[in-house]
């Protein structure tokens, strides 16, 4: 496919903006894009004003889901892992529901983000406990365990980090087992709708099991499918029945495949760290009901690799942090893979960098606690403000969330909420 045809397909497939809430991992469309406007284009010295802060979230690296008058997250506290609901106005606790045992390693706590759907909240703990609870009360409706119920396993030692996908009548997730690489259950009852049969061997790269990524929906080649980055690489699974459609192994590494893929039109863009690299695939029809994945380009790790901060597609350009555990801001042309700028820029941040987009700006959050505002333009790196999150003691990794003009910054036990609305008039 020519570059001009790819660019045209991207324009035609651009999604309309969604609601102002932030209901799941990476926002309304799981793509790290907020539809909000009227936000500060430049921050004052020291960053935007702090609206409020709250403590009591427990240890963890989970991000936030924000819907209605509630904030939801996961945290380790009182010797267990909990799904928490907080008041959106001030962060005061509303309820807490035990998910499973606490997880203690050098990074600490849960990593997945809850998903809110109507009057229910879905969350996955590090031991593979998937729970559905009542959004108002926290009462448990049903639960599954990915290891016990599906024979699941994770590619390496850091346990499950997935944010479950709610799609229509179902919850979709990644046990990573030989007979249940992916599974779908009824969102109201937890009854299994389907689980994948044994996947073909994708290749020598990586390891068997779930990775540390989360599922996104694609309608490429006219087939609704769930795209996921697993231990052995990228897979496409047919949404209707769990049939394996395609796989791609070259982008897998054998330590941790983490960042959520970008899907747009018939394309899948994915990157991993540990000196691996980046791929753009085009998905095409294969026979009457099949799909095949064609590699359009592969970028070596010294051109672009994303550790775990994720990537965001704005127009025809991808913005991210580049380098294994480095987070150098970078902008790449989605169509060609050519670097527009960056790759060696060092701002106030160090370590891996999470990124999101809103109202013409990129919001970078770095491992050392730096939050940096940057113009989303391929014309060059243009910084528009920064601040340092208070009291960062270790790995400042939770991804940012933005809703109703407020920037939500989780730092282990504490939640900082900043007012990023532009003044009226």
Protein backbone atom coordinates (compact mmCIF):
# COMPACT_ATOMS: atom_id res chain seq x y z
CA UNK A 1 0.00 0.00 0.00
CA UNK A 2 1.40 3.41 -0.92
CA UNK A 3 2.08 6.09 1.66
CA UNK A 4 -0.57 8.36 0.18
CA UNK A 5 -3.21 5.64 0.47
CA UNK A 6 -2.25 4.96 4.09
CA UNK A 7 -2.55 8.67 4.92
CA UNK A 8 -5.96 8.84 3.24
CA UNK A 9 -7.18 5.83 5.21
CA UNK A 10 -6.04 7.45 8.45
CA UNK A 11 -8.02 10.62 7.71
CA UNK A 12 -11.18 8.69 6.87
CA UNK A 13 -10.92 6.58 10.04
CA UNK A 14 -10.35 9.39 12.54
CA UNK A 15 -12.74 8.78 15.44
CA UNK A 16 -15.15 11.38 16.77
CA UNK A 17 -14.51 12.74 20.26
CA UNK A 18 -16.15 10.87 23.11
CA UNK A 19 -17.47 11.91 26.50
CA UNK A 20 -15.48 13.98 28.99
CA UNK A 21 -15.21 11.18 31.57
CA UNK A 22 -12.21 8.86 31.64
CA UNK A 23 -13.86 5.44 32.05
CA UNK A 24 -10.99 3.04 31.48
CA UNK A 25 -7.33 2.49 30.65
CA UNK A 26 -5.98 5.32 28.43
CA UNK A 27 -9.33 7.10 28.34
CA UNK A 28 -12.65 6.84 26.48
CA UNK A 29 -11.18 4.97 23.48
CA UNK A 30 -8.13 3.32 25.10
CA UNK A 31 -5.90 5.50 22.93
CA UNK A 32 -4.54 8.06 25.47
CA UNK A 33 -6.55 10.87 23.88
CA UNK A 34 -8.91 13.19 25.73
CA UNK A 35 -11.66 14.93 23.72
CA UNK A 36 -11.62 17.97 26.02
CA UNK A 37 -10.91 21.49 24.85
CA UNK A 38 -10.53 24.82 26.61
CA UNK A 39 -7.39 23.69 28.42
CA UNK A 40 -4.30 25.68 29.30
CA UNK A 41 -1.95 25.91 26.35
CA UNK A 42 0.94 26.91 28.60
CA UNK A 43 1.55 26.35 32.30
CA UNK A 44 2.80 28.96 34.74
CA UNK A 45 6.12 28.50 36.52
CA UNK A 46 5.78 25.47 38.77
CA UNK A 47 2.88 24.03 36.82
CA UNK A 48 -0.91 24.40 36.93
CA UNK A 49 -2.66 25.10 40.25
CA UNK A 50 -3.34 22.17 42.56
CA UNK A 51 -7.11 21.79 43.03
CA UNK A 52 -6.85 19.20 45.80
CA UNK A 53 -4.95 16.14 46.94
CA UNK A 54 -6.00 13.03 48.82
CA UNK A 55 -4.20 10.15 50.49
CA UNK A 56 -5.22 6.57 51.21
CA UNK A 57 -4.99 4.93 47.80
CA UNK A 58 -2.43 2.39 49.01
CA UNK A 59 0.65 1.26 47.13
CA UNK A 60 0.49 0.67 43.43
CA UNK A 61 1.10 1.80 39.88
CA UNK A 62 -2.50 1.65 38.66
CA UNK A 63 -4.00 4.58 36.81
CA UNK A 64 -7.55 5.88 37.30
CA UNK A 65 -11.05 5.54 35.88
CA UNK A 66 -13.24 8.63 36.39
CA UNK A 67 -17.00 8.49 35.78
CA UNK A 68 -19.83 10.55 37.24
CA UNK A 69 -19.06 11.55 40.80
CA UNK A 70 -16.54 8.75 41.40
CA UNK A 71 -12.88 7.94 40.86
CA UNK A 72 -11.82 4.28 40.75
CA UNK A 73 -8.38 2.74 41.15
CA UNK A 74 -6.51 -0.23 42.66
CA UNK A 75 -4.15 -0.19 45.62
CA UNK A 76 -2.41 -2.44 48.12
CA UNK A 77 -3.38 -1.58 51.69
CA UNK A 78 -4.15 -3.40 54.94
CA UNK A 79 -2.39 -6.52 53.66
CA UNK A 80 -4.49 -7.01 50.52
CA UNK A 81 -5.20 -5.63 47.07
CA UNK A 82 -8.30 -3.46 46.88
CA UNK A 83 -10.52 -1.86 44.27
CA UNK A 84 -11.23 1.63 45.58
CA UNK A 85 -13.92 4.22 44.92
CA UNK A 86 -13.24 7.85 45.81
CA UNK A 87 -15.38 10.97 45.75
CA UNK A 88 -14.59 12.90 42.58
CA UNK A 89 -14.94 16.27 44.31
CA UNK A 90 -12.29 15.75 47.00
CA UNK A 91 -10.88 12.21 46.87
CA UNK A 92 -12.49 11.05 50.08
CA UNK A 93 -13.04 7.27 50.25
CA UNK A 94 -16.48 5.92 49.32
CA UNK A 95 -15.91 2.16 49.42
CA UNK A 96 -13.15 -0.45 49.21
CA UNK A 97 -13.51 -4.03 47.92
CA UNK A 98 -10.88 -6.73 48.33
CA UNK A 99 -9.66 -8.12 45.01
CA UNK A 100 -6.90 -10.48 46.10
CA UNK A 101 -3.56 -10.70 47.87
CA UNK A 102 -1.14 -7.79 47.89
CA UNK A 103 1.81 -7.90 45.51
CA UNK A 104 5.23 -6.94 46.77
CA UNK A 105 8.24 -6.44 44.52
CA UNK A 106 10.66 -3.60 43.85
CA UNK A 107 7.92 -1.72 41.97
CA UNK A 108 5.03 -2.36 44.34
CA UNK A 109 1.33 -3.03 44.06
CA UNK A 110 -1.22 -3.45 41.25
CA UNK A 111 -0.71 -2.07 37.74
CA UNK A 112 -4.03 -2.54 35.93
CA UNK A 113 -6.69 0.16 35.67
CA UNK A 114 -10.39 -0.44 36.44
CA UNK A 115 -13.00 -0.22 33.69
CA UNK A 116 -16.38 1.40 34.37
CA UNK A 117 -19.42 0.31 32.38
CA UNK A 118 -22.82 1.57 33.47
CA UNK A 119 -23.48 0.57 37.06
CA UNK A 120 -20.55 -1.87 37.25
CA UNK A 121 -16.80 -1.69 37.64
CA UNK A 122 -14.37 -4.36 36.42
CA UNK A 123 -10.79 -4.76 37.63
CA UNK A 124 -7.97 -7.29 37.53
CA UNK A 125 -5.49 -7.89 40.34
CA UNK A 126 -1.91 -9.02 40.01
CA UNK A 127 -2.76 -12.66 40.89
CA UNK A 128 -5.22 -12.81 38.00
CA UNK A 129 -8.34 -12.11 40.06
CA UNK A 130 -10.94 -10.52 37.76
CA UNK A 131 -13.82 -8.96 39.68
CA UNK A 132 -17.08 -7.26 38.77
CA UNK A 133 -18.54 -5.01 41.47
CA UNK A 134 -21.46 -2.66 41.88
CA UNK A 135 -20.29 0.89 41.10
CA UNK A 136 -22.44 2.46 43.82
CA UNK A 137 -21.63 0.13 46.71
CA UNK A 138 -18.58 -1.94 45.78
CA UNK A 139 -20.57 -5.16 46.32
CA UNK A 140 -19.03 -8.05 44.40
CA UNK A 141 -21.21 -9.42 41.60
CA UNK A 142 -18.90 -12.13 40.27
CA UNK A 143 -15.24 -13.06 40.00
CA UNK A 144 -12.93 -15.23 37.95
CA UNK A 145 -9.32 -16.24 38.42
CA UNK A 146 -7.25 -16.35 35.25
CA UNK A 147 -4.95 -19.10 36.50
CA UNK A 148 -7.50 -21.38 38.19
CA UNK A 149 -10.39 -20.92 35.76
CA UNK A 150 -8.49 -20.61 32.47
CA UNK A 151 -5.05 -22.16 33.04
CA UNK A 152 -3.51 -18.73 32.55
CA UNK A 153 0.08 -17.63 32.97
CA UNK A 154 2.18 -14.52 32.42
CA UNK A 155 5.35 -14.49 30.31
CA UNK A 156 7.63 -13.50 33.21
CA UNK A 157 7.60 -12.74 36.93
CA UNK A 158 5.61 -9.49 37.21
CA UNK A 159 2.13 -10.99 37.30
CA UNK A 160 -0.98 -9.73 35.55
CA UNK A 161 -1.06 -6.03 34.68
CA UNK A 162 -4.02 -5.92 32.32
CA UNK A 163 -6.90 -3.47 32.25
CA UNK A 164 -10.00 -5.49 31.22
CA UNK A 165 -11.91 -4.48 28.09
CA UNK A 166 -15.69 -4.17 28.22
CA UNK A 167 -17.13 -4.51 24.72
CA UNK A 168 -20.88 -4.64 24.33
CA UNK A 169 -22.21 -7.57 26.36
CA UNK A 170 -18.82 -8.96 27.33
CA UNK A 171 -15.59 -8.51 29.23
CA UNK A 172 -12.49 -9.56 27.28
CA UNK A 173 -9.11 -10.32 28.86
CA UNK A 174 -5.88 -12.28 28.44
CA UNK A 175 -5.29 -15.31 30.68
CA UNK A 176 -2.31 -16.30 28.53
CA UNK A 177 -2.92 -20.02 28.89
CA UNK A 178 -2.30 -22.63 26.18
CA UNK A 179 -6.07 -23.17 25.75
CA UNK A 180 -7.17 -19.69 26.76
CA UNK A 181 -4.74 -17.12 25.45
CA UNK A 182 -7.73 -14.76 25.41
CA UNK A 183 -11.23 -15.17 26.81
CA UNK A 184 -14.59 -13.40 26.79
CA UNK A 185 -17.23 -13.64 29.54
CA UNK A 186 -20.72 -12.24 29.92
CA UNK A 187 -20.30 -8.89 31.66
CA UNK A 188 -23.38 -9.39 33.86
CA UNK A 189 -22.82 -12.99 35.00
CA UNK A 190 -19.18 -13.86 34.33
CA UNK A 191 -20.27 -16.87 32.24
CA UNK A 192 -17.68 -17.84 29.65
CA UNK A 193 -18.72 -16.95 26.10
CA UNK A 194 -15.59 -18.22 24.43
CA UNK A 195 -11.90 -18.85 24.96
CA UNK A 196 -9.30 -19.28 22.27
CA UNK A 197 -8.14 -22.69 21.22
CA UNK A 198 -4.41 -23.38 21.24
CA UNK A 199 -2.65 -20.68 19.23
CA UNK A 200 -0.11 -21.58 16.56
CA UNK A 201 3.52 -21.02 17.46
CA UNK A 202 4.19 -17.43 16.42
CA UNK A 203 7.99 -17.68 16.42
CA UNK A 204 11.10 -17.89 18.57
CA UNK A 205 10.99 -14.37 20.00
CA UNK A 206 9.43 -13.76 23.40
CA UNK A 207 7.93 -16.27 25.81
CA UNK A 208 4.63 -18.07 26.13
CA UNK A 209 1.91 -16.46 28.22
CA UNK A 210 0.23 -13.11 28.64
CA UNK A 211 2.27 -9.97 28.30
CA UNK A 212 1.66 -6.77 30.25
CA UNK A 213 -0.46 -5.00 27.65
CA UNK A 214 -4.21 -4.46 27.28
CA UNK A 215 -6.61 -5.35 24.46
CA UNK A 216 -7.84 -2.87 21.84
CA UNK A 217 -10.62 -3.28 19.27
CA UNK A 218 -9.97 -3.22 15.52
CA UNK A 219 -12.32 -3.56 12.55
CA UNK A 220 -9.49 -4.00 10.09
CA UNK A 221 -10.15 -5.87 6.85
CA UNK A 222 -13.87 -5.74 7.67
CA UNK A 223 -13.53 -8.15 10.62
CA UNK A 224 -14.11 -7.07 14.20
CA UNK A 225 -11.17 -8.37 16.20
CA UNK A 226 -9.32 -7.95 19.47
CA UNK A 227 -5.68 -6.95 19.05
CA UNK A 228 -3.29 -7.74 21.89
CA UNK A 229 0.46 -7.75 22.54
CA UNK A 230 1.27 -11.05 24.24
CA UNK A 231 4.40 -12.88 25.33
CA UNK A 232 5.05 -14.13 21.79
CA UNK A 233 4.01 -10.92 20.06
CA UNK A 234 0.93 -9.42 18.44
CA UNK A 235 -2.25 -11.38 17.84
CA UNK A 236 -5.64 -10.70 16.29
CA UNK A 237 -8.58 -12.69 17.69
CA UNK A 238 -12.01 -12.65 16.05
CA UNK A 239 -14.47 -10.94 18.36
CA UNK A 240 -17.47 -13.09 17.50
CA UNK A 241 -16.05 -16.46 18.53
CA UNK A 242 -12.42 -16.19 19.68
CA UNK A 243 -10.92 -17.60 16.48
CA UNK A 244 -7.21 -16.85 15.94
CA UNK A 245 -6.82 -14.66 12.85
CA UNK A 246 -3.17 -13.60 12.66
CA UNK A 247 0.03 -13.25 14.66
CA UNK A 248 3.33 -11.39 14.45
CA UNK A 249 6.41 -12.44 16.43
CA UNK A 250 9.25 -10.09 15.48
CA UNK A 251 8.26 -7.31 17.90
CA UNK A 252 8.29 -9.62 20.95
CA UNK A 253 11.08 -9.70 23.52
CA UNK A 254 11.62 -12.34 26.19
CA UNK A 255 11.40 -10.03 29.24
CA UNK A 256 8.25 -7.89 29.04
CA UNK A 257 5.98 -6.85 26.17
CA UNK A 258 4.04 -3.95 27.62
CA UNK A 259 2.77 -0.97 25.62
CA UNK A 260 -0.79 -1.05 24.29
CA UNK A 261 -0.83 -1.21 20.47
CA UNK A 262 -2.25 1.62 18.36
CA UNK A 263 -4.99 0.58 15.92
CA UNK A 264 -6.32 2.80 13.17
CA UNK A 265 -8.18 1.76 10.02
CA UNK A 266 -6.42 -1.39 8.72
CA UNK A 267 -3.18 -0.72 10.61
CA UNK A 268 -1.56 -1.83 13.85
CA UNK A 269 1.43 0.00 15.32
CA UNK A 270 3.32 -1.62 18.20
CA UNK A 271 6.60 -1.18 20.02
CA UNK A 272 8.51 -2.95 22.79
CA UNK A 273 11.60 -2.19 24.83
CA UNK A 274 14.56 -4.34 25.86
CA UNK A 275 16.33 -3.38 22.62
CA UNK A 276 13.61 -4.78 20.37
CA UNK A 277 11.89 -2.18 18.17
CA UNK A 278 8.71 -1.11 16.44
CA UNK A 279 6.40 -2.37 13.69
CA UNK A 280 3.59 -1.07 11.49
CA UNK A 281 1.34 -3.83 10.16
CA UNK A 282 -1.37 -3.66 7.54
CA UNK A 283 -4.21 -6.16 8.05
CA UNK A 284 -5.80 -7.55 4.90
CA UNK A 285 -8.54 -10.03 4.10
CA UNK A 286 -7.31 -13.57 3.58
CA UNK A 287 -9.79 -15.86 1.87
CA UNK A 288 -13.44 -15.79 2.83
CA UNK A 289 -13.14 -15.13 6.56
CA UNK A 290 -9.45 -14.84 7.34
CA UNK A 291 -7.12 -11.91 8.02
CA UNK A 292 -3.39 -11.69 7.35
CA UNK A 293 -0.83 -9.24 8.71
CA UNK A 294 1.71 -7.67 6.38
CA UNK A 295 4.73 -5.82 7.76
CA UNK A 296 4.97 -2.35 6.22
CA UNK A 297 8.08 -1.39 8.17
CA UNK A 298 10.11 -2.43 11.20
CA UNK A 299 12.19 0.11 13.11
CA UNK A 300 15.24 -1.09 15.05
CA UNK A 301 15.48 -0.23 18.74
CA UNK A 302 18.00 2.56 18.17
CA UNK A 303 15.41 4.34 16.00
CA UNK A 304 12.42 3.80 18.28
CA UNK A 305 11.51 1.52 21.15
CA UNK A 306 8.89 2.15 23.81
CA UNK A 307 9.39 0.59 27.23
CA UNK A 308 6.02 0.93 28.98
CA UNK A 309 4.88 4.56 28.82
CA UNK A 310 2.72 3.98 25.77
CA UNK A 311 2.25 5.96 22.57
CA UNK A 312 -0.39 8.30 21.20
CA UNK A 313 -1.39 8.89 17.56
CA UNK A 314 -2.35 12.48 16.71
CA UNK A 315 -3.11 13.08 13.06
CA UNK A 316 -0.50 11.13 11.13
CA UNK A 317 2.18 11.26 13.83
CA UNK A 318 3.01 9.09 16.82
CA UNK A 319 4.30 10.72 20.01
CA UNK A 320 5.98 8.78 22.80
CA UNK A 321 9.02 8.33 24.96
CA UNK A 322 11.91 6.60 23.21
CA UNK A 323 14.55 4.30 24.65
CA UNK A 324 14.48 1.45 27.10
CA UNK A 325 13.78 3.09 30.48
CA UNK A 326 14.81 6.47 29.07
CA UNK A 327 11.67 8.23 27.81
CA UNK A 328 13.27 10.68 25.39
CA UNK A 329 10.38 12.59 23.72
CA UNK A 330 9.98 11.61 20.09
CA UNK A 331 7.68 12.20 17.13
CA UNK A 332 7.43 9.74 14.24
CA UNK A 333 5.55 9.77 10.96
CA UNK A 334 3.03 6.93 11.29
CA UNK A 335 3.00 6.26 7.55
CA UNK A 336 6.74 6.03 6.93
CA UNK A 337 8.26 5.48 10.38
CA UNK A 338 10.56 8.46 9.79
CA UNK A 339 11.55 10.40 12.92
CA UNK A 340 10.20 13.97 12.69
CA UNK A 341 11.98 15.13 15.83
CA UNK A 342 13.42 13.89 19.10
CA UNK A 343 14.89 10.67 20.27
CA UNK A 344 17.68 12.42 22.15
CA UNK A 345 15.88 15.36 23.80
CA UNK A 346 16.32 15.55 27.56
CA UNK A 347 13.81 17.65 29.45
CA UNK A 348 13.19 17.66 33.23
CA UNK A 349 12.17 14.02 33.10
CA UNK A 350 14.28 10.90 33.43
CA UNK A 351 13.36 7.23 33.06
CA UNK A 352 10.38 5.84 31.18
CA UNK A 353 7.76 8.38 30.13
CA UNK A 354 3.99 7.89 29.92
CA UNK A 355 2.18 10.13 27.42
CA UNK A 356 -1.36 11.32 26.73
CA UNK A 357 -2.95 13.98 24.50
CA UNK A 358 -5.57 16.70 24.93
CA UNK A 359 -6.42 19.95 23.15
CA UNK A 360 -3.29 20.24 20.99
CA UNK A 361 -0.87 19.32 23.76
CA UNK A 362 1.03 16.25 24.94
CA UNK A 363 1.26 15.47 28.64
CA UNK A 364 4.41 13.52 29.52
CA UNK A 365 4.80 11.94 32.96
CA UNK A 366 8.33 10.67 33.67
CA UNK A 367 9.71 8.13 36.10
CA UNK A 368 11.34 10.81 38.28
CA UNK A 369 7.99 12.59 38.74
CA UNK A 370 8.37 15.29 36.08
CA UNK A 371 5.16 16.22 34.24
CA UNK A 372 5.86 18.12 31.02
CA UNK A 373 3.49 19.91 28.61
CA UNK A 374 4.56 19.80 24.95
CA UNK A 375 2.90 20.96 21.73
CA UNK A 376 1.61 18.10 19.61
CA UNK A 377 3.23 19.16 16.36
CA UNK A 378 5.66 17.45 13.99
CA UNK A 379 7.35 20.83 13.46
CA UNK A 380 9.64 20.39 16.46
CA UNK A 381 9.81 19.91 20.22
CA UNK A 382 8.07 22.88 21.86
CA UNK A 383 7.79 22.68 25.63
CA UNK A 384 5.03 24.71 27.28
CA UNK A 385 5.56 24.07 30.99
CA UNK A 386 6.49 21.49 33.59
CA UNK A 387 6.35 20.62 37.27
CA UNK A 388 7.59 17.92 39.63
CA UNK A 389 5.10 15.70 41.46
CA UNK A 390 5.65 16.09 45.23
CA UNK A 391 7.15 13.36 47.39
CA UNK A 392 8.20 10.90 44.68
CA UNK A 393 10.09 8.12 46.42
CA UNK A 394 10.51 5.43 43.76
CA UNK A 395 9.13 4.62 40.30
CA UNK A 396 6.65 7.33 39.29
CA UNK A 397 4.88 5.31 36.62
CA UNK A 398 1.05 5.54 36.81
CA UNK A 399 -0.40 6.94 33.60
CA UNK A 400 -2.17 10.29 33.75
CA UNK A 401 -5.91 10.82 33.43
CA UNK A 402 -7.81 13.94 32.40
CA UNK A 403 -11.49 14.71 32.93
CA UNK A 404 -13.57 17.89 33.22
CA UNK A 405 -10.55 20.17 33.04
CA UNK A 406 -8.69 18.34 35.79
CA UNK A 407 -5.40 16.48 35.43
CA UNK A 408 -5.27 13.45 37.75
CA UNK A 409 -1.82 12.32 38.90
CA UNK A 410 -1.53 9.14 41.00
CA UNK A 411 1.64 8.85 43.08
CA UNK A 412 1.42 5.61 45.07
CA UNK A 413 -0.81 6.36 48.10
CA UNK A 414 -1.54 9.96 47.07
CA UNK A 415 -3.70 11.48 44.34
CA UNK A 416 -2.89 14.99 43.10
CA UNK A 417 -5.52 16.80 41.02
CA UNK A 418 -4.54 19.91 39.03
CA UNK A 419 -6.79 22.48 37.40
CA UNK A 420 -5.75 22.74 33.74
CA UNK A 421 -8.74 24.71 32.47
CA UNK A 422 -8.15 27.89 30.55
CA UNK A 423 -9.69 30.96 32.21
CA UNK A 424 -12.96 32.13 30.65
CA UNK A 425 -12.71 35.18 28.42
